Amino acid sequence: MFLAPLGILLMLAYHLSLLYRYLKCPETTVIGYENHNKRAWVERMYLVEAKDRGPALSVISSNIAAATALSSICLVLSSIIGTWIGSSASSQSSIFTNRLIYGSTTASMVYIKFIALLSCFLVAFACFVQTARYFVHATYLISMPDNDIPVAFVVKDVIRGSNYWLAGIRSLFFATNLLLWTFGPIPMFCCSAIMVAVLVTVDRNTTPFHQYAPVGRSHALSNKIDHGRKALANAFQLHRHEDASSA
């Protein structure tokens, strides 16, 4: 009645505070730091010709493969848990209603634990599927030749895919706590406290944002360089033709 809700509330309170810091002060979180670099990466890869965007497509394809693998794992675990819930109550009571487990070991409580664990894996599965969906759409936009689609559309798909990836990973963190809840509220609360202590360190960012040069300026500079090279080449060819005609 006390330890299990306290462990869940501890995880929820930390992630709500992390979301608030990401929305208000993104430079203090690793999520904001990574999204800042991803925006700059997309903007610069979008300036490259479509035929030269192979590295960008490879990076996105690796993210799609990772999301697909994790979604498959979550679906398999959900199927196993669903089969376990639907199995006979005697096979469950022999393991999870043992007297060595501290706390309530009634059949209804065992079902609640499994349903909560199943819900976390299903949420993670849905998040990873959405991750693959947005990254696939970003692949279509990046590989499209001679397009006039604004770069903000590609940035939005990449950031949304990254956010869904993060939500799926966090759902697996919650699933880990709920998995330990099947062995009692004490392991679950200890796992929540240790995980929050680790995530506080992992999610904190101390590296200042790199101020990338504006894309428009660099693009204009590259256009000027290209025009200068073409003008020099045309002048050189014209000079050669004049020499040939005079000869």
C-alpha atoms as a PDB file:
ATOM      1  CA  MET A   1       0.000   0.000   0.000  1.00  0.00           C
ATOM      2  CA  PHE A   2       2.920   2.379   0.579  1.00  0.00           C
ATOM      3  CA  LEU A   3       6.123   1.233  -1.156  1.00  0.00           C
ATOM      4  CA  ALA A   4       4.685   0.301  -4.564  1.00  0.00           C
ATOM      5  CA  PRO A   5       2.746   3.568  -5.147  1.00  0.00           C
ATOM      6  CA  LEU A   6       5.704   5.531  -3.789  1.00  0.00           C
ATOM      7  CA  GLY A   7       8.050   3.905  -6.293  1.00  0.00           C
ATOM      8  CA  ILE A   8       5.697   4.645  -9.197  1.00  0.00           C
ATOM      9  CA  LEU A   9       5.166   8.242  -8.047  1.00  0.00           C
ATOM     10  CA  LEU A  10       8.924   8.697  -7.730  1.00  0.00           C
ATOM     11  CA  MET A  11       9.437   7.712 -11.371  1.00  0.00           C
ATOM     12  CA  LEU A  12       6.498   9.828 -12.548  1.00  0.00           C
ATOM     13  CA  ALA A  13       7.640  12.894 -10.601  1.00  0.00           C
ATOM     14  CA  TYR A  14      11.154  12.665 -12.028  1.00  0.00           C
ATOM     15  CA  HIS A  15       9.974  12.350 -15.637  1.00  0.00           C
ATOM     16  CA  LEU A  16       7.504  15.211 -15.212  1.00  0.00           C
ATOM     17  CA  SER A  17      10.314  17.389 -13.891  1.00  0.00           C
ATOM     18  CA  LEU A  18      12.510  16.271 -16.800  1.00  0.00           C
ATOM     19  CA  LEU A  19       9.765  17.217 -19.260  1.00  0.00           C
ATOM     20  CA  TYR A  20       9.388  20.615 -17.607  1.00  0.00           C
ATOM     21  CA  ARG A  21      13.142  21.275 -17.809  1.00  0.00           C
ATOM     22  CA  TYR A  22      13.205  20.176 -21.448  1.00  0.00           C
ATOM     23  CA  LEU A  23      10.389  22.579 -22.354  1.00  0.00           C
ATOM     24  CA  LYS A  24      11.659  25.536 -20.312  1.00  0.00           C
ATOM     25  CA  CYS A  25      15.454  25.046 -20.227  1.00  0.00           C
ATOM     26  CA  PRO A  26      16.394  22.528 -22.940  1.00  0.00           C
ATOM     27  CA  GLU A  27      20.093  23.364 -22.621  1.00  0.00           C
ATOM     28  CA  THR A  28      20.141  21.696 -19.189  1.00  0.00           C
ATOM     29  CA  THR A  29      18.995  18.302 -20.508  1.00  0.00           C
ATOM     30  CA  VAL A  30      20.658  15.751 -22.743  1.00  0.00           C
ATOM     31  CA  ILE A  31      17.426  15.520 -24.737  1.00  0.00           C
ATOM     32  CA  GLY A  32      17.599  19.199 -25.664  1.00  0.00           C
ATOM     33  CA  TYR A  33      21.313  18.928 -26.450  1.00  0.00           C
ATOM     34  CA  GLU A  34      20.780  15.996 -28.810  1.00  0.00           C
ATOM     35  CA  ASN A  35      17.778  17.583 -30.532  1.00  0.00           C
ATOM     36  CA  HIS A  36      19.761  20.793 -31.048  1.00  0.00           C
ATOM     37  CA  ASN A  37      22.490  18.868 -32.853  1.00  0.00           C
ATOM     38  CA  LYS A  38      19.959  16.842 -34.843  1.00  0.00           C
ATOM     39  CA  ARG A  39      18.321  20.018 -36.145  1.00  0.00           C
ATOM     40  CA  ALA A  40      21.685  21.326 -37.321  1.00  0.00           C
ATOM     41  CA  TRP A  41      22.516  17.942 -38.877  1.00  0.00           C
ATOM     42  CA  VAL A  42      19.286  17.832 -40.866  1.00  0.00           C
ATOM     43  CA  GLU A  43      19.668  21.419 -42.045  1.00  0.00           C
ATOM     44  CA  ARG A  44      23.169  20.775 -43.360  1.00  0.00           C
ATOM     45  CA  MET A  45      22.404  17.409 -44.917  1.00  0.00           C
ATOM     46  CA  TYR A  46      19.428  18.979 -46.656  1.00  0.00           C
ATOM     47  CA  LEU A  47      21.767  21.408 -48.446  1.00  0.00           C
ATOM     48  CA  VAL A  48      23.629  18.540 -50.087  1.00  0.00           C
ATOM     49  CA  GLU A  49      22.464  17.286 -53.461  1.00  0.00           C
ATOM     50  CA  ALA A  50      20.043  14.354 -53.331  1.00  0.00           C
ATOM     51  CA  LYS A  51      22.557  12.032 -54.981  1.00  0.00           C
ATOM     52  CA  ASP A  52      25.107  12.779 -52.230  1.00  0.00           C
ATOM     53  CA  ARG A  53      22.816  12.158 -49.253  1.00  0.00           C
ATOM     54  CA  GLY A  54      23.849   8.556 -48.804  1.00  0.00           C
ATOM     55  CA  PRO A  55      25.383   9.085 -45.317  1.00  0.00           C
ATOM     56  CA  ALA A  56      22.189  10.763 -44.103  1.00  0.00           C
ATOM     57  CA  LEU A  57      20.062   7.881 -45.364  1.00  0.00           C
ATOM     58  CA  SER A  58      22.424   5.391 -43.714  1.00  0.00           C
ATOM     59  CA  VAL A  59      22.105   7.147 -40.344  1.00  0.00           C
ATOM     60  CA  ILE A  60      18.306   7.198 -40.540  1.00  0.00           C
ATOM     61  CA  SER A  61      18.208   3.571 -41.723  1.00  0.00           C
ATOM     62  CA  SER A  62      20.219   2.479 -38.682  1.00  0.00           C
ATOM     63  CA  ASN A  63      17.707   4.244 -36.422  1.00  0.00           C
ATOM     64  CA  ILE A  64      14.831   2.531 -38.225  1.00  0.00           C
ATOM     65  CA  ALA A  65      16.512  -0.858 -37.783  1.00  0.00           C
ATOM     66  CA  ALA A  66      17.014  -0.239 -34.054  1.00  0.00           C
ATOM     67  CA  ALA A  67      13.402   0.879 -33.584  1.00  0.00           C
ATOM     68  CA  THR A  68      12.137  -2.144 -35.520  1.00  0.00           C
ATOM     69  CA  ALA A  69      14.224  -4.538 -33.432  1.00  0.00           C
ATOM     70  CA  LEU A  70      13.033  -3.063 -30.127  1.00  0.00           C
ATOM     71  CA  SER A  71       9.408  -3.027 -31.270  1.00  0.00           C
ATOM     72  CA  SER A  72       9.694  -6.717 -32.185  1.00  0.00           C
ATOM     73  CA  ILE A  73      11.158  -7.516 -28.759  1.00  0.00           C
ATOM     74  CA  CYS A  74       8.371  -5.601 -27.008  1.00  0.00           C
ATOM     75  CA  LEU A  75       5.738  -7.416 -29.064  1.00  0.00           C
ATOM     76  CA  VAL A  76       7.239 -10.808 -28.236  1.00  0.00           C
ATOM     77  CA  LEU A  77       7.387 -10.003 -24.518  1.00  0.00           C
ATOM     78  CA  SER A  78       3.803  -8.729 -24.619  1.00  0.00           C
ATOM     79  CA  SER A  79       2.690 -11.987 -26.244  1.00  0.00           C
ATOM     80  CA  ILE A  80       4.504 -14.015 -23.598  1.00  0.00           C
ATOM     81  CA  ILE A  81       2.966 -12.008 -20.753  1.00  0.00           C
ATOM     82  CA  GLY A  82      -0.492 -12.213 -22.339  1.00  0.00           C
ATOM     83  CA  THR A  83      -0.136 -15.967 -22.658  1.00  0.00           C
ATOM     84  CA  TRP A  84       1.029 -16.159 -19.056  1.00  0.00           C
ATOM     85  CA  ILE A  85      -1.999 -14.184 -17.879  1.00  0.00           C
ATOM     86  CA  GLY A  86      -4.312 -16.443 -19.835  1.00  0.00           C
ATOM     87  CA  SER A  87      -2.735 -19.608 -18.475  1.00  0.00           C
ATOM     88  CA  SER A  88      -3.988 -21.482 -15.441  1.00  0.00           C
ATOM     89  CA  ALA A  89      -3.897 -19.688 -12.109  1.00  0.00           C
ATOM     90  CA  SER A  90      -2.107 -22.576 -10.458  1.00  0.00           C
ATOM     91  CA  SER A  91       1.068 -22.124 -12.504  1.00  0.00           C
ATOM     92  CA  GLN A  92       1.171 -18.435 -11.545  1.00  0.00           C
ATOM     93  CA  SER A  93       0.429 -18.952  -7.867  1.00  0.00           C
ATOM     94  CA  SER A  94       3.268 -21.431  -7.492  1.00  0.00           C
ATOM     95  CA  ILE A  95       5.806 -18.738  -8.388  1.00  0.00           C
ATOM     96  CA  PHE A  96       4.376 -15.316  -7.566  1.00  0.00           C
ATOM     97  CA  THR A  97       2.277 -16.139  -4.503  1.00  0.00           C
ATOM     98  CA  ASN A  98       5.111 -17.694  -2.557  1.00  0.00           C
ATOM     99  CA  ARG A  99       5.373 -16.847   1.129  1.00  0.00           C
ATOM    100  CA  LEU A 100       8.892 -15.512   0.577  1.00  0.00           C
ATOM    101  CA  ILE A 101       7.462 -12.609  -1.454  1.00  0.00           C
ATOM    102  CA  TYR A 102       6.673  -9.688   0.809  1.00  0.00           C
ATOM    103  CA  GLY A 103       3.364  -7.932   0.255  1.00  0.00           C
ATOM    104  CA  SER A 104       0.038  -8.972  -1.185  1.00  0.00           C
ATOM    105  CA  THR A 105       0.165 -12.268  -3.089  1.00  0.00           C
ATOM    106  CA  THR A 106      -3.510 -12.631  -3.949  1.00  0.00           C
ATOM    107  CA  ALA A 107      -4.513 -13.704  -7.435  1.00  0.00           C
ATOM    108  CA  SER A 108      -6.049 -10.301  -8.184  1.00  0.00           C
ATOM    109  CA  MET A 109      -2.831  -8.493  -7.223  1.00  0.00           C
ATOM    110  CA  VAL A 110      -0.789 -10.852  -9.398  1.00  0.00           C
ATOM    111  CA  TYR A 111      -3.051 -10.060 -12.350  1.00  0.00           C
ATOM    112  CA  ILE A 112      -2.724  -6.317 -11.685  1.00  0.00           C
ATOM    113  CA  LYS A 113       1.059  -6.619 -11.740  1.00  0.00           C
ATOM    114  CA  PHE A 114       1.052  -8.516 -15.023  1.00  0.00           C
ATOM    115  CA  ILE A 115      -1.449  -6.171 -16.665  1.00  0.00           C
ATOM    116  CA  ALA A 116       0.620  -3.130 -15.633  1.00  0.00           C
ATOM    117  CA  LEU A 117       3.752  -4.785 -17.022  1.00  0.00           C
ATOM    118  CA  LEU A 118       1.923  -5.703 -20.227  1.00  0.00           C
ATOM    119  CA  SER A 119       0.713  -2.098 -20.617  1.00  0.00           C
ATOM    120  CA  CYS A 120       4.267  -0.745 -20.427  1.00  0.00           C
ATOM    121  CA  PHE A 121       5.489  -3.126 -23.128  1.00  0.00           C
ATOM    122  CA  LEU A 122       2.540  -2.261 -25.373  1.00  0.00           C
ATOM    123  CA  VAL A 123       3.190   1.469 -24.947  1.00  0.00           C
ATOM    124  CA  ALA A 124       6.867   0.899 -25.778  1.00  0.00           C
ATOM    125  CA  PHE A 125       5.866  -1.116 -28.854  1.00  0.00           C
ATOM    126  CA  ALA A 126       3.583   1.681 -30.081  1.00  0.00           C
ATOM    127  CA  CYS A 127       6.292   4.304 -29.509  1.00  0.00           C
ATOM    128  CA  PHE A 128       8.931   2.356 -31.434  1.00  0.00           C
ATOM    129  CA  VAL A 129       6.500   1.820 -34.320  1.00  0.00           C
ATOM    130  CA  GLN A 130       5.858   5.564 -34.450  1.00  0.00           C
ATOM    131  CA  THR A 131       9.624   6.143 -34.376  1.00  0.00           C
ATOM    132  CA  ALA A 132      10.090   3.976 -37.459  1.00  0.00           C
ATOM    133  CA  ARG A 133       7.155   5.700 -39.144  1.00  0.00           C
ATOM    134  CA  TYR A 134       8.560   9.218 -38.757  1.00  0.00           C
ATOM    135  CA  PHE A 135      12.085   8.180 -39.732  1.00  0.00           C
ATOM    136  CA  VAL A 136      10.773   6.443 -42.858  1.00  0.00           C
ATOM    137  CA  HIS A 137       8.908   9.596 -43.847  1.00  0.00           C
ATOM    138  CA  ALA A 138      12.059  11.646 -43.235  1.00  0.00           C
ATOM    139  CA  THR A 139      13.917   9.251 -45.552  1.00  0.00           C
ATOM    140  CA  TYR A 140      11.410   9.919 -48.316  1.00  0.00           C
ATOM    141  CA  LEU A 141      11.793  13.672 -47.930  1.00  0.00           C
ATOM    142  CA  ILE A 142      15.598  13.637 -47.805  1.00  0.00           C
ATOM    143  CA  SER A 143      15.991  11.338 -50.811  1.00  0.00           C
ATOM    144  CA  MET A 144      13.543  13.280 -53.010  1.00  0.00           C
ATOM    145  CA  PRO A 145      15.445  15.029 -55.841  1.00  0.00           C
ATOM    146  CA  ASP A 146      14.612  18.573 -56.936  1.00  0.00           C
ATOM    147  CA  ASN A 147      12.139  19.135 -54.123  1.00  0.00           C
ATOM    148  CA  ASP A 148      10.971  22.425 -52.721  1.00  0.00           C
ATOM    149  CA  ILE A 149       9.889  21.054 -49.337  1.00  0.00           C
ATOM    150  CA  PRO A 150      11.071  23.268 -46.466  1.00  0.00           C
ATOM    151  CA  VAL A 151      13.770  21.824 -44.263  1.00  0.00           C
ATOM    152  CA  ALA A 152      11.512  22.414 -41.241  1.00  0.00           C
ATOM    153  CA  PHE A 153       9.339  19.498 -42.370  1.00  0.00           C
ATOM    154  CA  VAL A 154      12.284  17.094 -42.279  1.00  0.00           C
ATOM    155  CA  VAL A 155      13.466  18.487 -38.935  1.00  0.00           C
ATOM    156  CA  LYS A 156       9.993  17.961 -37.474  1.00  0.00           C
ATOM    157  CA  ASP A 157       9.898  14.312 -38.568  1.00  0.00           C
ATOM    158  CA  VAL A 158      13.385  13.581 -37.214  1.00  0.00           C
ATOM    159  CA  ILE A 159      12.684  15.278 -33.870  1.00  0.00           C
ATOM    160  CA  ARG A 160       9.330  13.530 -33.507  1.00  0.00           C
ATOM    161  CA  GLY A 161      10.927  10.193 -34.278  1.00  0.00           C
ATOM    162  CA  SER A 162      13.596  10.873 -31.660  1.00  0.00           C
ATOM    163  CA  ASN A 163      10.966  11.858 -29.093  1.00  0.00           C
ATOM    164  CA  TYR A 164       8.979   8.680 -29.689  1.00  0.00           C
ATOM    165  CA  TRP A 165      12.207   6.699 -29.374  1.00  0.00           C
ATOM    166  CA  LEU A 166      12.830   8.352 -26.023  1.00  0.00           C
ATOM    167  CA  ALA A 167       9.268   7.631 -24.863  1.00  0.00           C
ATOM    168  CA  GLY A 168       9.696   3.960 -25.793  1.00  0.00           C
ATOM    169  CA  ILE A 169      12.956   3.717 -23.830  1.00  0.00           C
ATOM    170  CA  ARG A 170      11.330   5.348 -20.794  1.00  0.00           C
ATOM    171  CA  SER A 171       8.453   2.879 -21.028  1.00  0.00           C
ATOM    172  CA  LEU A 172      11.003   0.065 -20.819  1.00  0.00           C
ATOM    173  CA  PHE A 173      12.422   1.716 -17.682  1.00  0.00           C
ATOM    174  CA  PHE A 174       8.956   1.625 -16.120  1.00  0.00           C
ATOM    175  CA  ALA A 175       8.589  -1.976 -17.246  1.00  0.00           C
ATOM    176  CA  THR A 176      11.795  -2.868 -15.401  1.00  0.00           C
ATOM    177  CA  ASN A 177      10.358  -1.474 -12.163  1.00  0.00           C
ATOM    178  CA  LEU A 178       7.071  -3.297 -12.657  1.00  0.00           C
ATOM    179  CA  LEU A 179       8.927  -6.506 -13.413  1.00  0.00           C
ATOM    180  CA  LEU A 180      10.636  -6.293 -10.036  1.00  0.00           C
ATOM    181  CA  TRP A 181       7.259  -5.537  -8.467  1.00  0.00           C
ATOM    182  CA  THR A 182       6.281  -9.146  -9.187  1.00  0.00           C
ATOM    183  CA  PHE A 183       8.888 -10.118  -6.577  1.00  0.00           C
ATOM    184  CA  GLY A 184       7.549  -7.686  -4.001  1.00  0.00           C
ATOM    185  CA  PRO A 185       7.277  -3.949  -3.351  1.00  0.00           C
ATOM    186  CA  ILE A 186      10.694  -3.671  -1.708  1.00  0.00           C
ATOM    187  CA  PRO A 187      12.709  -4.606  -4.842  1.00  0.00           C
ATOM    188  CA  MET A 188      10.429  -2.360  -6.894  1.00  0.00           C
ATOM    189  CA  PHE A 189      10.953   0.661  -4.644  1.00  0.00           C
ATOM    190  CA  CYS A 190      14.719   0.103  -4.452  1.00  0.00           C
ATOM    191  CA  CYS A 191      14.882  -0.162  -8.263  1.00  0.00           C
ATOM    192  CA  SER A 192      12.904   3.074  -8.624  1.00  0.00           C
ATOM    193  CA  ALA A 193      15.175   4.963  -6.233  1.00  0.00           C
ATOM    194  CA  ILE A 194      18.375   3.669  -7.869  1.00  0.00           C
ATOM    195  CA  MET A 195      17.055   4.313 -11.386  1.00  0.00           C
ATOM    196  CA  VAL A 196      16.038   7.889 -10.567  1.00  0.00           C
ATOM    197  CA  ALA A 197      19.444   8.543  -9.002  1.00  0.00           C
ATOM    198  CA  VAL A 198      21.160   7.245 -12.147  1.00  0.00           C
ATOM    199  CA  LEU A 199      18.856   9.117 -14.531  1.00  0.00           C
ATOM    200  CA  VAL A 200      19.419  12.400 -12.709  1.00  0.00           C
ATOM    201  CA  THR A 201      23.088  12.128 -13.641  1.00  0.00           C
ATOM    202  CA  VAL A 202      22.553  10.718 -17.129  1.00  0.00           C
ATOM    203  CA  ASP A 203      19.900  13.226 -18.226  1.00  0.00           C
ATOM    204  CA  ARG A 204      21.745  16.319 -16.998  1.00  0.00           C
ATOM    205  CA  ASN A 205      23.647  18.265 -19.641  1.00  0.00           C
ATOM    206  CA  THR A 206      26.637  20.466 -18.814  1.00  0.00           C
ATOM    207  CA  THR A 207      27.895  21.015 -22.378  1.00  0.00           C
ATOM    208  CA  PRO A 208      26.829  24.378 -23.816  1.00  0.00           C
ATOM    209  CA  PHE A 209      25.008  24.402 -27.134  1.00  0.00           C
ATOM    210  CA  HIS A 210      27.264  24.915 -30.120  1.00  0.00           C
ATOM    211  CA  GLN A 211      26.135  27.980 -32.038  1.00  0.00           C
ATOM    212  CA  TYR A 212      26.063  26.708 -35.596  1.00  0.00           C
ATOM    213  CA  ALA A 213      26.374  29.179 -38.452  1.00  0.00           C
ATOM    214  CA  PRO A 214      23.028  30.082 -40.045  1.00  0.00           C
ATOM    215  CA  VAL A 215      22.151  27.768 -42.873  1.00  0.00           C
ATOM    216  CA  GLY A 216      21.130  30.592 -45.184  1.00  0.00           C
ATOM    217  CA  ARG A 217      24.491  32.329 -44.840  1.00  0.00           C
ATOM    218  CA  SER A 218      26.521  29.215 -45.495  1.00  0.00           C
ATOM    219  CA  HIS A 219      24.258  28.271 -48.382  1.00  0.00           C
ATOM    220  CA  ALA A 220      24.607  31.737 -49.914  1.00  0.00           C
ATOM    221  CA  LEU A 221      28.372  31.576 -49.484  1.00  0.00           C
ATOM    222  CA  SER A 222      28.533  28.219 -51.240  1.00  0.00           C
ATOM    223  CA  ASN A 223      26.389  29.579 -54.074  1.00  0.00           C
ATOM    224  CA  LYS A 224      28.733  32.547 -54.480  1.00  0.00           C
ATOM    225  CA  ILE A 225      31.719  30.228 -54.595  1.00  0.00           C
ATOM    226  CA  ASP A 226      30.034  28.041 -57.198  1.00  0.00           C
ATOM    227  CA  HIS A 227      29.104  31.052 -59.326  1.00  0.00           C
ATOM    228  CA  GLY A 228      32.668  32.355 -59.067  1.00  0.00           C
ATOM    229  CA  ARG A 229      34.093  29.037 -60.173  1.00  0.00           C
ATOM    230  CA  LYS A 230      31.693  28.859 -63.099  1.00  0.00           C
ATOM    231  CA  ALA A 231      32.559  32.433 -64.128  1.00  0.00           C
ATOM    232  CA  LEU A 232      36.267  31.652 -64.006  1.00  0.00           C
ATOM    233  CA  ALA A 233      35.767  28.496 -66.033  1.00  0.00           C
ATOM    234  CA  ASN A 234      33.729  30.351 -68.658  1.00  0.00           C
ATOM    235  CA  ALA A 235      36.315  33.129 -68.858  1.00  0.00           C
ATOM    236  CA  PHE A 236      39.105  30.574 -69.262  1.00  0.00           C
ATOM    237  CA  GLN A 237      37.240  28.764 -72.038  1.00  0.00           C
ATOM    238  CA  LEU A 238      36.484  32.061 -73.784  1.00  0.00           C
ATOM    239  CA  HIS A 239      40.147  33.038 -73.589  1.00  0.00           C
ATOM    240  CA  ARG A 240      41.165  29.703 -75.114  1.00  0.00           C
ATOM    241  CA  HIS A 241      38.687  30.160 -77.973  1.00  0.00           C
ATOM    242  CA  GLU A 242      40.030  33.645 -78.656  1.00  0.00           C
ATOM    243  CA  ASP A 243      43.614  32.318 -78.707  1.00  0.00           C
ATOM    244  CA  ALA A 244      42.602  29.535 -81.059  1.00  0.00           C
ATOM    245  CA  SER A 245      40.791  31.913 -83.441  1.00  0.00           C
ATOM    246  CA  SER A 246      43.695  34.391 -83.465  1.00  0.00           C
ATOM    247  CA  ALA A 247      46.130  31.581 -84.216  1.00  0.00           C
END
